[in-house]
Amino acid sequence: MNTTVSNWTAVCAVEDILPNTGVCARVDDHQVAIFRIGQHEFHAIDNVDPKSGASVLSRGLVGNLGEHLVVASPLYKNHIDLRSGECLESPDWSVRTYGVRVEDGQVLVNTDAH
């Protein structure tokens, strides 16, 4: 369903993402992991695990490590900060982050990486 408006791409309906989980969407030529935290908070990062190169981050577990909101990679359990894209165990393995907004019940991802 990817519909592009300006630099924003509609990837799914809000209700398609259960709270505290993630989904993967193809945005332009990137696999992007979009996470819904609680009812109203959304974050998007590259879906590729920086250590293994596998496209699995959307399937990781979300939670907090201190002040960091993170996803734990399902492969090596490295923690990626959902706000900054930084790998907490090894900053050299950071991933790109993307802007996310909700309009008319649709989740939109900014195609310009942060």
C-alpha atoms as a PDB file:
ATOM      1  CA  MET A   1       0.000   0.000   0.000  1.00  0.00           C
ATOM      2  CA  ASN A   2       2.999   2.383  -0.032  1.00  0.00           C
ATOM      3  CA  THR A   3       1.697   5.776  -1.175  1.00  0.00           C
ATOM      4  CA  THR A   4       4.256   8.595  -1.428  1.00  0.00           C
ATOM      5  CA  VAL A   5       3.286  12.171  -0.485  1.00  0.00           C
ATOM      6  CA  SER A   6       6.225  14.600  -0.707  1.00  0.00           C
ATOM      7  CA  ASN A   7       9.031  12.896   1.241  1.00  0.00           C
ATOM      8  CA  TRP A   8       6.542  10.846   3.251  1.00  0.00           C
ATOM      9  CA  THR A   9       5.374   7.340   2.384  1.00  0.00           C
ATOM     10  CA  ALA A  10       2.221   5.799   3.859  1.00  0.00           C
ATOM     11  CA  VAL A  11       3.212   2.266   4.878  1.00  0.00           C
ATOM     12  CA  CYS A  12       0.246   0.875   6.818  1.00  0.00           C
ATOM     13  CA  ALA A  13      -2.720   1.655   9.042  1.00  0.00           C
ATOM     14  CA  VAL A  14      -2.029   2.399  12.706  1.00  0.00           C
ATOM     15  CA  GLU A  15      -3.984  -0.713  13.760  1.00  0.00           C
ATOM     16  CA  ASP A  16      -1.709  -2.891  11.592  1.00  0.00           C
ATOM     17  CA  ILE A  17       1.013  -2.463  14.222  1.00  0.00           C
ATOM     18  CA  LEU A  18       0.212  -3.898  17.636  1.00  0.00           C
ATOM     19  CA  PRO A  19       1.461  -1.820  20.580  1.00  0.00           C
ATOM     20  CA  ASN A  20       5.076  -2.600  21.577  1.00  0.00           C
ATOM     21  CA  THR A  21       5.864  -4.455  18.350  1.00  0.00           C
ATOM     22  CA  GLY A  22       7.350  -3.687  14.964  1.00  0.00           C
ATOM     23  CA  VAL A  23       6.661  -4.310  11.296  1.00  0.00           C
ATOM     24  CA  CYS A  24       8.801  -4.113   8.192  1.00  0.00           C
ATOM     25  CA  ALA A  25       7.974  -2.028   5.134  1.00  0.00           C
ATOM     26  CA  ARG A  26       9.781  -1.311   1.894  1.00  0.00           C
ATOM     27  CA  VAL A  27      10.246   2.438   1.555  1.00  0.00           C
ATOM     28  CA  ASP A  28      11.902   3.410  -1.715  1.00  0.00           C
ATOM     29  CA  ASP A  29      14.701   0.847  -1.875  1.00  0.00           C
ATOM     30  CA  HIS A  30      15.132   0.399   1.902  1.00  0.00           C
ATOM     31  CA  GLN A  31      13.669  -2.084   4.357  1.00  0.00           C
ATOM     32  CA  VAL A  32      12.449   0.015   7.260  1.00  0.00           C
ATOM     33  CA  ALA A  33      11.409  -1.324  10.678  1.00  0.00           C
ATOM     34  CA  ILE A  34       8.519   0.688  12.149  1.00  0.00           C
ATOM     35  CA  PHE A  35       7.808   0.293  15.856  1.00  0.00           C
ATOM     36  CA  ARG A  36       4.724   1.284  17.812  1.00  0.00           C
ATOM     37  CA  ILE A  37       5.437   2.013  21.458  1.00  0.00           C
ATOM     38  CA  GLY A  38       2.275   2.065  23.534  1.00  0.00           C
ATOM     39  CA  GLN A  39      -0.701   3.515  21.702  1.00  0.00           C
ATOM     40  CA  HIS A  40       0.668   6.709  20.134  1.00  0.00           C
ATOM     41  CA  GLU A  41       4.484   6.649  19.834  1.00  0.00           C
ATOM     42  CA  PHE A  42       6.145   5.484  16.604  1.00  0.00           C
ATOM     43  CA  HIS A  43       9.803   5.091  15.572  1.00  0.00           C
ATOM     44  CA  ALA A  44      11.452   3.882  12.380  1.00  0.00           C
ATOM     45  CA  ILE A  45      14.968   2.562  11.743  1.00  0.00           C
ATOM     46  CA  ASP A  46      16.694   0.492   9.077  1.00  0.00           C
ATOM     47  CA  ASN A  47      15.511  -3.109   9.330  1.00  0.00           C
ATOM     48  CA  VAL A  48      19.000  -4.551   8.785  1.00  0.00           C
ATOM     49  CA  ASP A  49      20.879  -5.891  11.815  1.00  0.00           C
ATOM     50  CA  PRO A  50      24.207  -4.033  11.623  1.00  0.00           C
ATOM     51  CA  LYS A  51      26.252  -6.969  12.931  1.00  0.00           C
ATOM     52  CA  SER A  52      24.870  -9.770  10.754  1.00  0.00           C
ATOM     53  CA  GLY A  53      23.418  -7.865   7.787  1.00  0.00           C
ATOM     54  CA  ALA A  54      20.152  -9.812   8.112  1.00  0.00           C
ATOM     55  CA  SER A  55      16.820  -8.003   7.739  1.00  0.00           C
ATOM     56  CA  VAL A  56      15.386  -8.854  11.156  1.00  0.00           C
ATOM     57  CA  LEU A  57      15.192  -5.812  13.449  1.00  0.00           C
ATOM     58  CA  SER A  58      11.427  -5.418  12.997  1.00  0.00           C
ATOM     59  CA  ARG A  59      11.059  -8.796  14.747  1.00  0.00           C
ATOM     60  CA  GLY A  60      13.120  -7.764  17.788  1.00  0.00           C
ATOM     61  CA  LEU A  61      11.811  -7.161  21.290  1.00  0.00           C
ATOM     62  CA  VAL A  62      11.249  -3.549  22.340  1.00  0.00           C
ATOM     63  CA  GLY A  63      11.922  -2.216  25.810  1.00  0.00           C
ATOM     64  CA  ASN A  64      13.991   0.200  27.876  1.00  0.00           C
ATOM     65  CA  LEU A  65      17.620   0.090  28.948  1.00  0.00           C
ATOM     66  CA  GLY A  66      17.928   2.973  31.375  1.00  0.00           C
ATOM     67  CA  GLU A  67      16.881   6.098  29.465  1.00  0.00           C
ATOM     68  CA  HIS A  68      17.155   4.337  26.094  1.00  0.00           C
ATOM     69  CA  LEU A  69      14.109   3.046  24.212  1.00  0.00           C
ATOM     70  CA  VAL A  70      15.529   0.052  22.336  1.00  0.00           C
ATOM     71  CA  VAL A  71      14.903  -2.925  20.121  1.00  0.00           C
ATOM     72  CA  ALA A  72      16.961  -6.057  20.804  1.00  0.00           C
ATOM     73  CA  SER A  73      18.139  -7.758  17.637  1.00  0.00           C
ATOM     74  CA  PRO A  74      16.690 -11.270  17.436  1.00  0.00           C
ATOM     75  CA  LEU A  75      20.079 -12.628  16.300  1.00  0.00           C
ATOM     76  CA  TYR A  76      22.812 -11.282  18.575  1.00  0.00           C
ATOM     77  CA  LYS A  77      20.637  -9.433  21.125  1.00  0.00           C
ATOM     78  CA  ASN A  78      22.442  -6.134  20.480  1.00  0.00           C
ATOM     79  CA  HIS A  79      20.311  -3.177  21.540  1.00  0.00           C
ATOM     80  CA  ILE A  80      19.512  -0.445  19.009  1.00  0.00           C
ATOM     81  CA  ASP A  81      18.264   2.884  20.367  1.00  0.00           C
ATOM     82  CA  LEU A  82      15.023   3.640  18.512  1.00  0.00           C
ATOM     83  CA  ARG A  83      15.508   7.408  18.797  1.00  0.00           C
ATOM     84  CA  SER A  84      19.131   7.683  17.626  1.00  0.00           C
ATOM     85  CA  GLY A  85      19.783   4.389  15.788  1.00  0.00           C
ATOM     86  CA  GLU A  86      22.872   3.822  17.936  1.00  0.00           C
ATOM     87  CA  CYS A  87      23.872   0.280  18.866  1.00  0.00           C
ATOM     88  CA  LEU A  88      24.456   0.500  22.619  1.00  0.00           C
ATOM     89  CA  GLU A  89      27.002  -2.318  22.692  1.00  0.00           C
ATOM     90  CA  SER A  90      29.002  -1.010  19.726  1.00  0.00           C
ATOM     91  CA  PRO A  91      28.319   2.493  18.326  1.00  0.00           C
ATOM     92  CA  ASP A  92      30.120   1.493  15.096  1.00  0.00           C
ATOM     93  CA  TRP A  93      27.070  -0.677  14.281  1.00  0.00           C
ATOM     94  CA  SER A  94      24.511   2.122  14.276  1.00  0.00           C
ATOM     95  CA  VAL A  95      21.558   2.214  11.840  1.00  0.00           C
ATOM     96  CA  ARG A  96      19.675   5.046  10.139  1.00  0.00           C
ATOM     97  CA  THR A  97      16.541   6.490  11.696  1.00  0.00           C
ATOM     98  CA  TYR A  98      13.519   7.849   9.844  1.00  0.00           C
ATOM     99  CA  GLY A  99      10.828  10.342  10.767  1.00  0.00           C
ATOM    100  CA  VAL A 100       7.386   8.867  11.456  1.00  0.00           C
ATOM    101  CA  ARG A 101       4.009  10.565  11.711  1.00  0.00           C
ATOM    102  CA  VAL A 102       0.375   9.515  11.756  1.00  0.00           C
ATOM    103  CA  GLU A 103      -2.252  11.112   9.518  1.00  0.00           C
ATOM    104  CA  ASP A 104      -5.835   9.966   9.111  1.00  0.00           C
ATOM    105  CA  GLY A 105      -5.084   6.623  10.758  1.00  0.00           C
ATOM    106  CA  GLN A 106      -2.109   5.920   8.443  1.00  0.00           C
ATOM    107  CA  VAL A 107       1.536   5.564   9.520  1.00  0.00           C
ATOM    108  CA  LEU A 108       3.849   7.600   7.284  1.00  0.00           C
ATOM    109  CA  VAL A 109       7.628   7.301   7.115  1.00  0.00           C
ATOM    110  CA  ASN A 110       9.917  10.084   5.901  1.00  0.00           C
ATOM    111  CA  THR A 111      12.036   8.766   3.046  1.00  0.00           C
ATOM    112  CA  ASP A 112      14.945  11.020   4.027  1.00  0.00           C
ATOM    113  CA  ALA A 113      17.025   9.165   6.616  1.00  0.00           C
ATOM    114  CA  HIS A 114      18.125  11.065   9.742  1.00  0.00           C
END
